[in-house]
């Protein structure tokens, strides 16, 4: 499997990127390009992690890629947890399903870039998140913004 890092992707954060959309009762937004999930995550509120997984699981009922949904949930949990644990700010989760696959972004409002590092040997509970993202995603990266950054990953529909 070829890994690629690319910077752009759909610009889904900000009012100017919003096209005509229809909101469903579960909070999923149906856009012309496919369903989209958008959630604001409260500062240091780790209850947002299981809530984000549940919302993503609901979104992925529109995707129908067996086996890839579990990977998507795991990687989303890692990005959400990192944003909430390593910053002292809110974050925004955006997940977009398209015919080509799934793109998940977690935007925070701290400019410090995440570091890909080996897990701590003293404490085996930290340091694996981005290694998992690098290993399991078809593409991933970090995109800087005027204030903060987005860490994102993609899972291709064809790889399912």
C-alpha atoms as a PDB file:
ATOM      1  CA  UNK A   1       0.000   0.000   0.000  1.00  0.00           C
ATOM      2  CA  UNK A   2       1.497   3.325  -1.025  1.00  0.00           C
ATOM      3  CA  UNK A   3       1.392   6.069   1.596  1.00  0.00           C
ATOM      4  CA  UNK A   4       1.044   9.634   0.514  1.00  0.00           C
ATOM      5  CA  UNK A   5       0.957  12.881   2.381  1.00  0.00           C
ATOM      6  CA  UNK A   6      -0.832  15.708   0.784  1.00  0.00           C
ATOM      7  CA  UNK A   7      -1.685  19.028   2.264  1.00  0.00           C
ATOM      8  CA  UNK A   8      -4.960  20.147   0.800  1.00  0.00           C
ATOM      9  CA  UNK A   9      -8.100  18.137   0.692  1.00  0.00           C
ATOM     10  CA  UNK A  10     -11.559  19.495   1.069  1.00  0.00           C
ATOM     11  CA  UNK A  11     -11.693  22.758   2.945  1.00  0.00           C
ATOM     12  CA  UNK A  12     -14.547  21.947   5.258  1.00  0.00           C
ATOM     13  CA  UNK A  13     -13.873  24.333   8.120  1.00  0.00           C
ATOM     14  CA  UNK A  14     -15.298  27.801   7.749  1.00  0.00           C
ATOM     15  CA  UNK A  15     -18.508  29.248   6.462  1.00  0.00           C
ATOM     16  CA  UNK A  16     -17.154  29.951   2.989  1.00  0.00           C
ATOM     17  CA  UNK A  17     -16.733  26.225   2.311  1.00  0.00           C
ATOM     18  CA  UNK A  18     -20.307  25.321   3.139  1.00  0.00           C
ATOM     19  CA  UNK A  19     -22.455  24.412   0.154  1.00  0.00           C
ATOM     20  CA  UNK A  20     -26.174  23.768   0.237  1.00  0.00           C
ATOM     21  CA  UNK A  21     -26.651  20.991   2.756  1.00  0.00           C
ATOM     22  CA  UNK A  22     -29.381  19.134   4.573  1.00  0.00           C
ATOM     23  CA  UNK A  23     -29.025  18.338   8.287  1.00  0.00           C
ATOM     24  CA  UNK A  24     -30.437  15.017   9.473  1.00  0.00           C
ATOM     25  CA  UNK A  25     -31.795  14.272  12.943  1.00  0.00           C
ATOM     26  CA  UNK A  26     -28.557  12.534  14.011  1.00  0.00           C
ATOM     27  CA  UNK A  27     -26.392  15.613  13.319  1.00  0.00           C
ATOM     28  CA  UNK A  28     -24.997  14.274  10.057  1.00  0.00           C
ATOM     29  CA  UNK A  29     -24.933  16.792   7.243  1.00  0.00           C
ATOM     30  CA  UNK A  30     -25.719  15.544   3.756  1.00  0.00           C
ATOM     31  CA  UNK A  31     -23.684  17.553   1.233  1.00  0.00           C
ATOM     32  CA  UNK A  32     -23.559  17.229  -2.533  1.00  0.00           C
ATOM     33  CA  UNK A  33     -20.187  15.421  -2.176  1.00  0.00           C
ATOM     34  CA  UNK A  34     -21.482  13.049   0.510  1.00  0.00           C
ATOM     35  CA  UNK A  35     -22.491  12.922   4.172  1.00  0.00           C
ATOM     36  CA  UNK A  36     -20.456  14.968   6.632  1.00  0.00           C
ATOM     37  CA  UNK A  37     -20.104  15.003  10.403  1.00  0.00           C
ATOM     38  CA  UNK A  38     -19.013  18.168  12.194  1.00  0.00           C
ATOM     39  CA  UNK A  39     -18.672  18.395  15.977  1.00  0.00           C
ATOM     40  CA  UNK A  40     -17.173  20.973  18.301  1.00  0.00           C
ATOM     41  CA  UNK A  41     -15.221  19.257  21.073  1.00  0.00           C
ATOM     42  CA  UNK A  42     -15.005  21.001  24.443  1.00  0.00           C
ATOM     43  CA  UNK A  43     -11.688  21.863  26.025  1.00  0.00           C
ATOM     44  CA  UNK A  44     -10.158  18.888  27.857  1.00  0.00           C
ATOM     45  CA  UNK A  45     -13.509  17.052  27.831  1.00  0.00           C
ATOM     46  CA  UNK A  46     -12.492  13.444  27.225  1.00  0.00           C
ATOM     47  CA  UNK A  47     -16.166  12.415  27.196  1.00  0.00           C
ATOM     48  CA  UNK A  48     -15.995  13.757  23.649  1.00  0.00           C
ATOM     49  CA  UNK A  49     -13.940  10.732  22.563  1.00  0.00           C
ATOM     50  CA  UNK A  50     -16.687   8.077  22.864  1.00  0.00           C
ATOM     51  CA  UNK A  51     -19.257  10.615  21.633  1.00  0.00           C
ATOM     52  CA  UNK A  52     -17.117  11.251  18.530  1.00  0.00           C
ATOM     53  CA  UNK A  53     -16.773   7.504  17.937  1.00  0.00           C
ATOM     54  CA  UNK A  54     -20.560   7.058  18.180  1.00  0.00           C
ATOM     55  CA  UNK A  55     -21.220   9.940  15.801  1.00  0.00           C
ATOM     56  CA  UNK A  56     -18.629   8.639  13.343  1.00  0.00           C
ATOM     57  CA  UNK A  57     -20.120   5.139  13.525  1.00  0.00           C
ATOM     58  CA  UNK A  58     -23.502   6.629  12.619  1.00  0.00           C
ATOM     59  CA  UNK A  59     -21.974   8.575   9.730  1.00  0.00           C
ATOM     60  CA  UNK A  60     -20.260   5.466   8.432  1.00  0.00           C
ATOM     61  CA  UNK A  61     -23.569   3.654   8.026  1.00  0.00           C
ATOM     62  CA  UNK A  62     -23.688   5.733   4.826  1.00  0.00           C
ATOM     63  CA  UNK A  63     -20.250   4.439   3.785  1.00  0.00           C
ATOM     64  CA  UNK A  64     -20.699   0.671   3.998  1.00  0.00           C
ATOM     65  CA  UNK A  65     -17.028  -0.403   4.028  1.00  0.00           C
ATOM     66  CA  UNK A  66     -16.723  -3.492   6.267  1.00  0.00           C
ATOM     67  CA  UNK A  67     -13.581  -3.547   8.378  1.00  0.00           C
ATOM     68  CA  UNK A  68     -12.674   0.039   7.542  1.00  0.00           C
ATOM     69  CA  UNK A  69     -15.203   1.494   9.967  1.00  0.00           C
ATOM     70  CA  UNK A  70     -13.331   0.069  12.966  1.00  0.00           C
ATOM     71  CA  UNK A  71     -10.067   1.536  11.690  1.00  0.00           C
ATOM     72  CA  UNK A  72     -11.774   4.882  11.136  1.00  0.00           C
ATOM     73  CA  UNK A  73     -13.129   4.867  14.700  1.00  0.00           C
ATOM     74  CA  UNK A  74      -9.733   3.993  16.174  1.00  0.00           C
ATOM     75  CA  UNK A  75      -7.879   6.679  14.239  1.00  0.00           C
ATOM     76  CA  UNK A  76     -10.539   9.275  14.976  1.00  0.00           C
ATOM     77  CA  UNK A  77     -10.270   8.451  18.694  1.00  0.00           C
ATOM     78  CA  UNK A  78      -6.518   8.995  18.521  1.00  0.00           C
ATOM     79  CA  UNK A  79      -6.797  12.380  16.801  1.00  0.00           C
ATOM     80  CA  UNK A  80      -9.569  13.598  19.113  1.00  0.00           C
ATOM     81  CA  UNK A  81      -7.713  12.440  22.223  1.00  0.00           C
ATOM     82  CA  UNK A  82      -4.490  14.122  21.073  1.00  0.00           C
ATOM     83  CA  UNK A  83      -6.274  17.404  20.402  1.00  0.00           C
ATOM     84  CA  UNK A  84      -7.957  17.402  23.806  1.00  0.00           C
ATOM     85  CA  UNK A  85      -5.017  16.147  25.880  1.00  0.00           C
ATOM     86  CA  UNK A  86      -2.170  18.099  24.274  1.00  0.00           C
ATOM     87  CA  UNK A  87      -3.897  21.481  23.888  1.00  0.00           C
ATOM     88  CA  UNK A  88      -5.831  23.632  26.290  1.00  0.00           C
ATOM     89  CA  UNK A  89      -8.433  24.619  23.722  1.00  0.00           C
ATOM     90  CA  UNK A  90     -11.556  23.395  21.992  1.00  0.00           C
ATOM     91  CA  UNK A  91     -11.247  21.361  18.807  1.00  0.00           C
ATOM     92  CA  UNK A  92     -13.445  20.675  15.791  1.00  0.00           C
ATOM     93  CA  UNK A  93     -13.971  17.219  14.317  1.00  0.00           C
ATOM     94  CA  UNK A  94     -14.994  17.003  10.672  1.00  0.00           C
ATOM     95  CA  UNK A  95     -15.521  13.714   8.838  1.00  0.00           C
ATOM     96  CA  UNK A  96     -16.571  13.587   5.204  1.00  0.00           C
ATOM     97  CA  UNK A  97     -17.686  10.523   3.264  1.00  0.00           C
ATOM     98  CA  UNK A  98     -17.267  10.684  -0.501  1.00  0.00           C
ATOM     99  CA  UNK A  99     -17.305   8.106  -3.286  1.00  0.00           C
ATOM    100  CA  UNK A 100     -13.501   7.979  -3.031  1.00  0.00           C
ATOM    101  CA  UNK A 101     -13.356   7.318   0.695  1.00  0.00           C
ATOM    102  CA  UNK A 102     -13.392   8.928   4.106  1.00  0.00           C
ATOM    103  CA  UNK A 103     -11.525  12.022   5.297  1.00  0.00           C
ATOM    104  CA  UNK A 104     -11.361  12.914   8.984  1.00  0.00           C
ATOM    105  CA  UNK A 105      -9.854  16.153  10.298  1.00  0.00           C
ATOM    106  CA  UNK A 106      -9.449  17.317  13.853  1.00  0.00           C
ATOM    107  CA  UNK A 107      -8.658  21.000  14.075  1.00  0.00           C
ATOM    108  CA  UNK A 108      -7.297  22.557  17.215  1.00  0.00           C
ATOM    109  CA  UNK A 109      -6.242  26.110  17.916  1.00  0.00           C
ATOM    110  CA  UNK A 110      -2.637  25.583  18.989  1.00  0.00           C
ATOM    111  CA  UNK A 111       0.137  26.019  16.414  1.00  0.00           C
ATOM    112  CA  UNK A 112       2.481  23.409  17.919  1.00  0.00           C
ATOM    113  CA  UNK A 113       2.820  20.545  15.428  1.00  0.00           C
ATOM    114  CA  UNK A 114       2.410  16.985  16.708  1.00  0.00           C
ATOM    115  CA  UNK A 115       5.508  14.805  16.840  1.00  0.00           C
ATOM    116  CA  UNK A 116       5.667  11.280  15.548  1.00  0.00           C
ATOM    117  CA  UNK A 117       7.643   9.423  18.210  1.00  0.00           C
ATOM    118  CA  UNK A 118       8.160   5.959  19.554  1.00  0.00           C
ATOM    119  CA  UNK A 119       6.092   5.042  22.634  1.00  0.00           C
ATOM    120  CA  UNK A 120       7.527   5.832  26.038  1.00  0.00           C
ATOM    121  CA  UNK A 121       9.259   2.820  27.516  1.00  0.00           C
ATOM    122  CA  UNK A 122       8.407   3.822  31.086  1.00  0.00           C
ATOM    123  CA  UNK A 123       4.729   4.443  30.430  1.00  0.00           C
ATOM    124  CA  UNK A 124       3.249   2.211  27.750  1.00  0.00           C
ATOM    125  CA  UNK A 125       0.023   4.233  27.500  1.00  0.00           C
ATOM    126  CA  UNK A 126       1.380   7.244  25.594  1.00  0.00           C
ATOM    127  CA  UNK A 127       3.025   7.817  22.251  1.00  0.00           C
ATOM    128  CA  UNK A 128       1.260   5.379  19.943  1.00  0.00           C
ATOM    129  CA  UNK A 129      -1.450   7.574  18.418  1.00  0.00           C
ATOM    130  CA  UNK A 130       0.320   9.003  15.405  1.00  0.00           C
ATOM    131  CA  UNK A 131       2.162   5.745  14.798  1.00  0.00           C
ATOM    132  CA  UNK A 132      -1.251   4.064  14.495  1.00  0.00           C
ATOM    133  CA  UNK A 133      -2.435   6.812  12.156  1.00  0.00           C
ATOM    134  CA  UNK A 134       0.693   6.479  10.013  1.00  0.00           C
ATOM    135  CA  UNK A 135       0.381   2.686   9.917  1.00  0.00           C
ATOM    136  CA  UNK A 136      -3.335   2.320   9.236  1.00  0.00           C
ATOM    137  CA  UNK A 137      -4.371   5.383   7.205  1.00  0.00           C
ATOM    138  CA  UNK A 138      -4.019   5.490   3.436  1.00  0.00           C
ATOM    139  CA  UNK A 139      -2.875   9.111   3.774  1.00  0.00           C
ATOM    140  CA  UNK A 140      -2.438  11.517   6.671  1.00  0.00           C
ATOM    141  CA  UNK A 141      -0.852  14.826   7.481  1.00  0.00           C
ATOM    142  CA  UNK A 142      -0.914  18.117   9.311  1.00  0.00           C
ATOM    143  CA  UNK A 143      -2.209  21.328   7.779  1.00  0.00           C
ATOM    144  CA  UNK A 144      -1.462  24.642   9.477  1.00  0.00           C
ATOM    145  CA  UNK A 145      -4.033  27.411   9.748  1.00  0.00           C
ATOM    146  CA  UNK A 146      -3.760  31.049  10.740  1.00  0.00           C
ATOM    147  CA  UNK A 147      -4.556  29.918  14.256  1.00  0.00           C
ATOM    148  CA  UNK A 148      -3.804  26.278  14.973  1.00  0.00           C
ATOM    149  CA  UNK A 149      -3.697  23.230  12.758  1.00  0.00           C
ATOM    150  CA  UNK A 150      -5.675  20.285  11.442  1.00  0.00           C
ATOM    151  CA  UNK A 151      -4.429  16.730  11.755  1.00  0.00           C
ATOM    152  CA  UNK A 152      -6.169  14.580   9.161  1.00  0.00           C
ATOM    153  CA  UNK A 153      -6.312  11.100   7.703  1.00  0.00           C
ATOM    154  CA  UNK A 154      -7.953   9.441   4.747  1.00  0.00           C
ATOM    155  CA  UNK A 155      -9.148   5.919   4.131  1.00  0.00           C
ATOM    156  CA  UNK A 156      -9.678   5.068   0.475  1.00  0.00           C
ATOM    157  CA  UNK A 157     -12.890   3.332  -0.508  1.00  0.00           C
ATOM    158  CA  UNK A 158     -11.052   1.108  -2.994  1.00  0.00           C
ATOM    159  CA  UNK A 159      -8.780  -0.339  -0.285  1.00  0.00           C
ATOM    160  CA  UNK A 160     -11.695  -1.836   1.622  1.00  0.00           C
END
